[in-house]
Amino acid sequence: NEALGGPPLHARPAATFRASSLVMTPLKAGARFVMGHFSAPVTALYQKSTFVRNLMKQTEARMKTTPGGEEIDMFARKTRYTVKKAGEILGYRPAVSLERGLAMSVKWLAHEFQLFRKE
């Protein structure tokens, strides 16, 4: 993240994400139910009350950014990949190191998408 000019990312224990996910899972289901059955009154309340509007926006943002249990399991895995077999069978040799390749990718992303640009 820092390489793209964004704020540094801080590691958080998987248990913290799991706790957030456990809270958000029923909240997401409840929100789907309420909006599915009571959309008109909820929308009217949203339009009338600044407090409700802000609360709903904050809750929606939190629900969208809180990973589900499956996502936590997937991203918590520690994996390693080797090119040894590709080298033995196909004669593959990487043209650049992993570090150089990542640095090149970051530069490309920053150029193409202008991520985290400061205005």
N, C-alpha and C. Protein backbone atom coordinates (compact mmCIF):
# COMPACT_ATOMS: atom_id res chain seq x y z
N ASN A 1 0.82 -1.19 0.00
CA ASN A 1 0.00 0.00 0.00
C ASN A 1 0.87 1.27 0.00
N GLU A 2 1.92 1.25 0.78
CA GLU A 2 2.81 2.41 0.84
C GLU A 2 3.45 2.66 -0.53
N ALA A 3 3.76 1.57 -1.26
CA ALA A 3 4.39 1.72 -2.58
C ALA A 3 3.47 2.46 -3.55
N LEU A 4 2.17 2.37 -3.30
CA LEU A 4 1.20 3.05 -4.16
C LEU A 4 0.87 4.44 -3.64
N GLY A 5 1.54 4.85 -2.55
CA GLY A 5 1.30 6.18 -2.00
C GLY A 5 0.18 6.22 -1.00
N GLY A 6 -0.33 5.05 -0.62
CA GLY A 6 -1.42 5.00 0.36
C GLY A 6 -0.87 4.85 1.77
N PRO A 7 -1.76 4.87 2.73
CA PRO A 7 -1.32 4.72 4.11
C PRO A 7 -0.81 3.30 4.36
N PRO A 8 0.08 3.13 5.32
CA PRO A 8 0.58 1.78 5.60
C PRO A 8 -0.53 0.88 6.12
N LEU A 9 -0.45 -0.38 5.76
CA LEU A 9 -1.41 -1.36 6.26
C LEU A 9 -0.86 -1.99 7.53
N HIS A 10 -1.73 -2.19 8.48
CA HIS A 10 -1.31 -2.79 9.74
C HIS A 10 -1.94 -4.17 9.86
N ALA A 11 -1.13 -5.13 10.26
CA ALA A 11 -1.63 -6.50 10.41
C ALA A 11 -2.60 -6.56 11.58
N ARG A 12 -3.68 -7.28 11.38
CA ARG A 12 -4.65 -7.51 12.44
C ARG A 12 -4.81 -9.00 12.61
N PRO A 13 -4.95 -9.46 13.82
CA PRO A 13 -5.12 -10.90 14.04
C PRO A 13 -6.39 -11.42 13.37
N ALA A 14 -6.33 -12.65 12.89
CA ALA A 14 -7.50 -13.25 12.24
C ALA A 14 -8.69 -13.29 13.17
N ALA A 15 -8.45 -13.43 14.48
CA ALA A 15 -9.56 -13.48 15.44
C ALA A 15 -10.37 -12.19 15.42
N THR A 16 -9.72 -11.06 15.18
CA THR A 16 -10.43 -9.78 15.10
C THR A 16 -11.38 -9.78 13.92
N PHE A 17 -10.90 -10.28 12.78
CA PHE A 17 -11.75 -10.34 11.60
C PHE A 17 -12.89 -11.33 11.81
N ARG A 18 -12.59 -12.45 12.45
CA ARG A 18 -13.63 -13.44 12.70
C ARG A 18 -14.74 -12.87 13.58
N ALA A 19 -14.36 -12.12 14.61
CA ALA A 19 -15.35 -11.52 15.50
C ALA A 19 -16.23 -10.53 14.72
N SER A 20 -15.61 -9.70 13.89
CA SER A 20 -16.38 -8.75 13.08
C SER A 20 -17.31 -9.49 12.13
N SER A 21 -16.81 -10.57 11.55
CA SER A 21 -17.60 -11.35 10.61
C SER A 21 -18.80 -12.00 11.31
N LEU A 22 -18.58 -12.50 12.53
CA LEU A 22 -19.67 -13.12 13.28
C LEU A 22 -20.78 -12.12 13.59
N VAL A 23 -20.41 -10.87 13.84
CA VAL A 23 -21.40 -9.84 14.11
C VAL A 23 -22.10 -9.42 12.82
N MET A 24 -21.34 -9.29 11.75
CA MET A 24 -21.90 -8.77 10.50
C MET A 24 -22.77 -9.78 9.75
N THR A 25 -22.52 -11.06 9.90
CA THR A 25 -23.29 -12.05 9.14
C THR A 25 -24.78 -11.96 9.43
N PRO A 26 -25.22 -11.99 10.70
CA PRO A 26 -26.66 -11.84 10.93
C PRO A 26 -27.17 -10.43 10.61
N LEU A 27 -26.32 -9.43 10.77
CA LEU A 27 -26.71 -8.07 10.44
C LEU A 27 -27.00 -7.94 8.94
N LYS A 28 -26.16 -8.55 8.11
CA LYS A 28 -26.38 -8.52 6.67
C LYS A 28 -27.69 -9.22 6.31
N ALA A 29 -27.93 -10.38 6.94
CA ALA A 29 -29.18 -11.12 6.66
C ALA A 29 -30.39 -10.31 7.11
N GLY A 30 -30.28 -9.67 8.26
CA GLY A 30 -31.38 -8.84 8.74
C GLY A 30 -31.65 -7.66 7.84
N ALA A 31 -30.59 -7.03 7.35
CA ALA A 31 -30.74 -5.89 6.45
C ALA A 31 -31.42 -6.32 5.15
N ARG A 32 -31.02 -7.49 4.63
CA ARG A 32 -31.66 -7.99 3.40
C ARG A 32 -33.16 -8.24 3.64
N PHE A 33 -33.48 -8.82 4.78
CA PHE A 33 -34.88 -9.10 5.10
C PHE A 33 -35.67 -7.81 5.21
N VAL A 34 -35.16 -6.87 6.00
CA VAL A 34 -35.87 -5.60 6.21
C VAL A 34 -36.07 -4.87 4.89
N MET A 35 -35.03 -4.77 4.08
CA MET A 35 -35.16 -4.06 2.81
C MET A 35 -36.08 -4.81 1.84
N GLY A 36 -36.09 -6.14 1.94
CA GLY A 36 -36.96 -6.93 1.08
C GLY A 36 -38.43 -6.81 1.43
N HIS A 37 -38.73 -6.59 2.72
CA HIS A 37 -40.11 -6.56 3.17
C HIS A 37 -40.62 -5.16 3.55
N PHE A 38 -39.73 -4.26 3.88
CA PHE A 38 -40.14 -2.94 4.37
C PHE A 38 -39.38 -1.81 3.69
N SER A 39 -39.14 -1.97 2.42
CA SER A 39 -38.33 -1.01 1.68
C SER A 39 -38.90 0.41 1.70
N ALA A 40 -40.20 0.55 1.49
CA ALA A 40 -40.81 1.89 1.41
C ALA A 40 -40.69 2.66 2.74
N PRO A 41 -41.08 2.07 3.89
CA PRO A 41 -40.95 2.83 5.13
C PRO A 41 -39.50 3.11 5.52
N VAL A 42 -38.60 2.18 5.23
CA VAL A 42 -37.19 2.40 5.53
C VAL A 42 -36.64 3.53 4.67
N THR A 43 -37.01 3.55 3.41
CA THR A 43 -36.57 4.62 2.51
C THR A 43 -37.11 5.97 2.96
N ALA A 44 -38.36 6.00 3.39
CA ALA A 44 -38.96 7.25 3.87
C ALA A 44 -38.22 7.74 5.12
N LEU A 45 -37.92 6.84 6.04
CA LEU A 45 -37.18 7.21 7.24
C LEU A 45 -35.78 7.70 6.89
N TYR A 46 -35.16 7.03 5.94
CA TYR A 46 -33.83 7.42 5.46
C TYR A 46 -33.85 8.85 4.92
N GLN A 47 -34.88 9.18 4.18
CA GLN A 47 -34.97 10.51 3.57
C GLN A 47 -35.31 11.60 4.58
N LYS A 48 -36.03 11.26 5.64
CA LYS A 48 -36.46 12.25 6.61
C LYS A 48 -35.42 12.55 7.69
N SER A 49 -34.64 11.57 8.07
CA SER A 49 -33.77 11.72 9.23
C SER A 49 -32.29 11.67 8.84
N THR A 50 -31.59 12.75 9.17
CA THR A 50 -30.15 12.79 8.92
C THR A 50 -29.43 11.75 9.76
N PHE A 51 -29.87 11.59 11.01
CA PHE A 51 -29.26 10.60 11.90
C PHE A 51 -29.38 9.19 11.31
N VAL A 52 -30.61 8.84 10.88
CA VAL A 52 -30.84 7.51 10.30
C VAL A 52 -30.04 7.34 9.03
N ARG A 53 -29.98 8.37 8.20
CA ARG A 53 -29.22 8.31 6.95
C ARG A 53 -27.75 8.03 7.23
N ASN A 54 -27.17 8.79 8.17
CA ASN A 54 -25.76 8.58 8.52
C ASN A 54 -25.53 7.20 9.11
N LEU A 55 -26.43 6.76 9.98
CA LEU A 55 -26.30 5.43 10.58
C LEU A 55 -26.36 4.34 9.52
N MET A 56 -27.29 4.47 8.58
CA MET A 56 -27.43 3.47 7.53
C MET A 56 -26.21 3.46 6.60
N LYS A 57 -25.69 4.63 6.29
CA LYS A 57 -24.52 4.71 5.42
C LYS A 57 -23.30 4.09 6.10
N GLN A 58 -23.10 4.38 7.38
CA GLN A 58 -21.97 3.81 8.11
C GLN A 58 -22.10 2.30 8.22
N THR A 59 -23.32 1.84 8.50
CA THR A 59 -23.55 0.39 8.62
C THR A 59 -23.33 -0.30 7.29
N GLU A 60 -23.83 0.30 6.22
CA GLU A 60 -23.64 -0.29 4.89
C GLU A 60 -22.15 -0.36 4.53
N ALA A 61 -21.42 0.71 4.81
CA ALA A 61 -19.97 0.71 4.52
C ALA A 61 -19.27 -0.38 5.33
N ARG A 62 -19.64 -0.53 6.58
CA ARG A 62 -19.02 -1.57 7.41
C ARG A 62 -19.36 -2.96 6.91
N MET A 63 -20.61 -3.15 6.49
CA MET A 63 -21.02 -4.47 5.97
C MET A 63 -20.28 -4.80 4.68
N LYS A 64 -20.05 -3.79 3.83
CA LYS A 64 -19.36 -4.04 2.57
C LYS A 64 -17.88 -4.33 2.76
N THR A 65 -17.29 -3.81 3.81
CA THR A 65 -15.84 -3.97 3.99
C THR A 65 -15.46 -5.04 5.00
N THR A 66 -16.44 -5.67 5.63
CA THR A 66 -16.14 -6.74 6.58
C THR A 66 -16.16 -8.07 5.84
N PRO A 67 -15.04 -8.78 5.83
CA PRO A 67 -15.00 -10.05 5.10
C PRO A 67 -15.87 -11.11 5.78
N GLY A 68 -16.40 -12.00 4.95
CA GLY A 68 -17.16 -13.13 5.47
C GLY A 68 -16.21 -14.23 5.95
N GLY A 69 -16.76 -15.22 6.60
CA GLY A 69 -15.95 -16.32 7.13
C GLY A 69 -15.13 -17.03 6.07
N GLU A 70 -15.73 -17.25 4.89
CA GLU A 70 -15.02 -17.93 3.81
C GLU A 70 -13.85 -17.10 3.32
N GLU A 71 -14.06 -15.80 3.24
CA GLU A 71 -12.97 -14.91 2.79
C GLU A 71 -11.83 -14.90 3.81
N ILE A 72 -12.18 -14.90 5.08
CA ILE A 72 -11.15 -14.91 6.12
C ILE A 72 -10.33 -16.19 6.00
N ASP A 73 -11.01 -17.32 5.84
CA ASP A 73 -10.29 -18.60 5.69
C ASP A 73 -9.37 -18.58 4.48
N MET A 74 -9.86 -18.04 3.37
CA MET A 74 -9.06 -18.02 2.15
C MET A 74 -7.82 -17.13 2.30
N PHE A 75 -7.99 -15.93 2.83
CA PHE A 75 -6.87 -15.00 2.91
C PHE A 75 -5.95 -15.27 4.09
N ALA A 76 -6.39 -16.08 5.04
CA ALA A 76 -5.55 -16.39 6.19
C ALA A 76 -4.53 -17.49 5.86
N ARG A 77 -4.73 -18.16 4.74
CA ARG A 77 -3.81 -19.24 4.37
C ARG A 77 -2.45 -18.68 4.00
N LYS A 78 -1.44 -19.38 4.42
CA LYS A 78 -0.08 -19.02 4.02
C LYS A 78 0.33 -20.00 2.93
N THR A 79 0.60 -19.48 1.76
CA THR A 79 0.97 -20.33 0.63
C THR A 79 2.29 -19.89 0.05
N ARG A 80 2.94 -20.85 -0.57
CA ARG A 80 4.19 -20.56 -1.26
C ARG A 80 4.15 -21.29 -2.59
N TYR A 81 4.65 -20.63 -3.59
CA TYR A 81 4.69 -21.21 -4.93
C TYR A 81 6.13 -21.22 -5.41
N THR A 82 6.47 -22.27 -6.09
CA THR A 82 7.81 -22.39 -6.60
C THR A 82 7.76 -22.59 -8.12
N VAL A 83 8.80 -22.15 -8.79
CA VAL A 83 8.88 -22.34 -10.24
C VAL A 83 9.83 -23.50 -10.57
N LYS A 84 10.20 -24.25 -9.54
CA LYS A 84 11.17 -25.33 -9.72
C LYS A 84 10.70 -26.36 -10.75
N LYS A 85 9.44 -26.80 -10.62
CA LYS A 85 8.93 -27.82 -11.54
C LYS A 85 8.85 -27.27 -12.97
N ALA A 86 8.42 -26.02 -13.12
CA ALA A 86 8.36 -25.41 -14.46
C ALA A 86 9.76 -25.33 -15.05
N GLY A 87 10.76 -25.07 -14.20
CA GLY A 87 12.13 -25.03 -14.69
C GLY A 87 12.62 -26.39 -15.12
N GLU A 88 12.29 -27.43 -14.32
CA GLU A 88 12.73 -28.79 -14.64
C GLU A 88 12.06 -29.33 -15.90
N ILE A 89 10.76 -29.14 -16.01
CA ILE A 89 10.01 -29.72 -17.13
C ILE A 89 10.09 -28.85 -18.39
N LEU A 90 9.92 -27.56 -18.23
CA LEU A 90 9.81 -26.67 -19.39
C LEU A 90 11.06 -25.83 -19.66
N GLY A 91 11.98 -25.87 -18.71
CA GLY A 91 13.17 -25.04 -18.85
C GLY A 91 12.91 -23.57 -18.54
N TYR A 92 11.83 -23.31 -17.81
CA TYR A 92 11.46 -21.93 -17.49
C TYR A 92 12.44 -21.30 -16.51
N ARG A 93 12.81 -20.08 -16.81
CA ARG A 93 13.65 -19.28 -15.90
C ARG A 93 13.01 -17.89 -15.83
N PRO A 94 12.70 -17.41 -14.64
CA PRO A 94 12.09 -16.08 -14.55
C PRO A 94 13.02 -15.00 -15.11
N ALA A 95 12.44 -14.07 -15.84
CA ALA A 95 13.24 -12.98 -16.42
C ALA A 95 13.59 -11.93 -15.37
N VAL A 96 12.73 -11.78 -14.36
CA VAL A 96 12.97 -10.81 -13.29
C VAL A 96 12.70 -11.48 -11.94
N SER A 97 13.25 -10.93 -10.89
CA SER A 97 13.02 -11.47 -9.55
C SER A 97 11.60 -11.11 -9.10
N LEU A 98 11.14 -11.78 -8.07
CA LEU A 98 9.82 -11.51 -7.52
C LEU A 98 9.73 -10.05 -7.06
N GLU A 99 10.76 -9.59 -6.37
CA GLU A 99 10.77 -8.21 -5.86
C GLU A 99 10.69 -7.20 -7.00
N ARG A 100 11.46 -7.43 -8.04
CA ARG A 100 11.47 -6.52 -9.19
C ARG A 100 10.12 -6.57 -9.90
N GLY A 101 9.56 -7.75 -10.05
CA GLY A 101 8.25 -7.90 -10.69
C GLY A 101 7.16 -7.19 -9.93
N LEU A 102 7.18 -7.29 -8.60
CA LEU A 102 6.20 -6.58 -7.79
C LEU A 102 6.37 -5.07 -7.92
N ALA A 103 7.61 -4.61 -7.90
CA ALA A 103 7.87 -3.17 -8.04
C ALA A 103 7.37 -2.67 -9.40
N MET A 104 7.59 -3.46 -10.44
CA MET A 104 7.12 -3.07 -11.77
C MET A 104 5.59 -3.04 -11.82
N SER A 105 4.95 -4.01 -11.15
CA SER A 105 3.49 -4.05 -11.11
C SER A 105 2.92 -2.84 -10.40
N VAL A 106 3.55 -2.45 -9.30
CA VAL A 106 3.10 -1.28 -8.55
C VAL A 106 3.22 -0.03 -9.41
N LYS A 107 4.33 0.11 -10.12
CA LYS A 107 4.50 1.28 -10.99
C LYS A 107 3.45 1.29 -12.10
N TRP A 108 3.18 0.13 -12.66
CA TRP A 108 2.18 0.05 -13.72
C TRP A 108 0.80 0.44 -13.17
N LEU A 109 0.41 -0.13 -12.00
CA LEU A 109 -0.88 0.20 -11.41
C LEU A 109 -0.99 1.70 -11.13
N ALA A 110 0.07 2.25 -10.55
CA ALA A 110 0.05 3.68 -10.23
C ALA A 110 -0.11 4.52 -11.50
N HIS A 111 0.55 4.11 -12.56
CA HIS A 111 0.45 4.85 -13.82
C HIS A 111 -0.92 4.67 -14.47
N GLU A 112 -1.37 3.43 -14.60
CA GLU A 112 -2.60 3.15 -15.32
C GLU A 112 -3.86 3.62 -14.60
N PHE A 113 -3.89 3.44 -13.32
CA PHE A 113 -5.10 3.75 -12.56
C PHE A 113 -4.97 4.97 -11.67
N GLN A 114 -3.79 5.53 -11.60
CA GLN A 114 -3.53 6.68 -10.77
C GLN A 114 -4.11 6.50 -9.37
N LEU A 115 -3.78 5.34 -8.79
CA LEU A 115 -4.29 5.02 -7.47
C LEU A 115 -3.72 5.97 -6.43
N PHE A 116 -4.54 6.30 -5.48
CA PHE A 116 -4.15 7.12 -4.34
C PHE A 116 -3.55 8.45 -4.76
N ARG A 117 -3.98 8.95 -5.88
CA ARG A 117 -3.41 10.22 -6.33
C ARG A 117 -3.83 11.32 -5.36
N LYS A 118 -2.92 12.19 -5.13
CA LYS A 118 -3.15 13.31 -4.23
C LYS A 118 -3.55 14.51 -5.04
N GLU A 119 -4.70 15.07 -4.68
CA GLU A 119 -5.21 16.23 -5.44
C GLU A 119 -5.12 17.48 -4.60
